[in-house]
Amino acid sequence: MSISEDIKALVIARLDTLSPNRKISIGNYGEFTKEEIIQHIKKGDSVGNKMIEIEMEFLCAIKEGLI
């Protein structure tokens, strides 16, 4: 799956609004700090891609009025 740099930047910008102490749990991948997640997104690995998928599903649900 090829993820555009604009989408990565959007998700990183949303993560940047979180407190630095905030932990994020991503299913079976474990628990991460926001900085760890941002690094995974920049690397384009499976953890980063999963976070992008989760954020995009959330934003689409908001757009469609589901949330």
Protein backbone atom coordinates (compact mmCIF):
# COMPACT_ATOMS: atom_id res chain seq x y z
CA MET A 1 0.00 0.00 0.00
CA SER A 2 1.45 3.32 -1.06
CA ILE A 3 0.57 6.16 1.29
CA SER A 4 0.98 9.73 0.08
CA GLU A 5 3.20 12.15 1.93
CA ASP A 6 0.17 14.44 2.40
CA ILE A 7 -1.71 11.71 4.28
CA LYS A 8 1.34 10.98 6.44
CA ALA A 9 1.70 14.69 7.20
CA LEU A 10 -1.99 14.93 8.13
CA VAL A 11 -1.78 12.03 10.58
CA ILE A 12 1.47 13.34 12.07
CA ALA A 13 -0.11 16.79 12.51
CA ARG A 14 -3.03 15.23 14.37
CA LEU A 15 -0.64 13.26 16.58
CA ASP A 16 1.33 16.42 17.32
CA THR A 17 -1.71 17.83 19.11
CA LEU A 18 -1.53 15.07 21.74
CA SER A 19 0.23 15.41 25.06
CA PRO A 20 3.83 14.09 24.94
CA ASN A 21 2.97 11.72 27.80
CA ARG A 22 0.06 10.17 25.94
CA LYS A 23 0.39 6.44 25.22
CA ILE A 24 -1.32 4.95 22.17
CA SER A 25 -2.27 1.29 22.01
CA ILE A 26 -2.46 -0.26 18.57
CA GLY A 27 -3.99 -3.72 18.80
CA ASN A 28 -1.46 -6.53 18.83
CA TYR A 29 1.39 -4.14 18.02
CA GLY A 30 1.54 -2.82 21.58
CA GLU A 31 1.67 0.56 23.28
CA PHE A 32 3.65 3.52 21.95
CA THR A 33 4.37 7.15 22.74
CA LYS A 34 3.26 9.69 20.18
CA GLU A 35 6.91 10.21 19.14
CA GLU A 36 7.37 6.48 18.58
CA ILE A 37 4.24 6.40 16.41
CA ILE A 38 5.45 9.39 14.40
CA GLN A 39 8.77 7.63 13.76
CA HIS A 40 6.90 4.50 12.60
CA ILE A 41 4.81 6.62 10.23
CA LYS A 42 7.91 8.28 8.79
CA LYS A 43 9.56 4.85 8.30
CA GLY A 44 6.45 3.54 6.58
CA ASP A 45 6.45 0.30 8.55
CA SER A 46 3.47 -1.84 9.57
CA VAL A 47 2.89 0.04 12.85
CA GLY A 48 2.92 3.40 11.08
CA ASN A 49 0.66 2.16 8.31
CA LYS A 50 -1.81 0.76 10.85
CA MET A 51 -1.94 4.12 12.65
CA ILE A 52 -2.60 5.87 9.35
CA GLU A 53 -5.37 3.38 8.55
CA ILE A 54 -6.99 3.95 11.97
CA GLU A 55 -6.82 7.75 11.67
CA MET A 56 -8.19 7.79 8.13
CA GLU A 57 -11.10 5.54 9.10
CA PHE A 58 -11.85 7.90 11.98
CA LEU A 59 -11.74 11.00 9.76
CA CYS A 60 -13.94 9.35 7.12
CA ALA A 61 -16.48 8.38 9.80
CA ILE A 62 -16.60 12.00 10.97
CA LYS A 63 -17.03 13.20 7.39
CA GLU A 64 -19.90 10.75 6.81
CA GLY A 65 -21.60 11.81 10.04
CA LEU A 66 -21.13 8.44 11.73
CA ILE A 67 -19.40 10.02 14.71
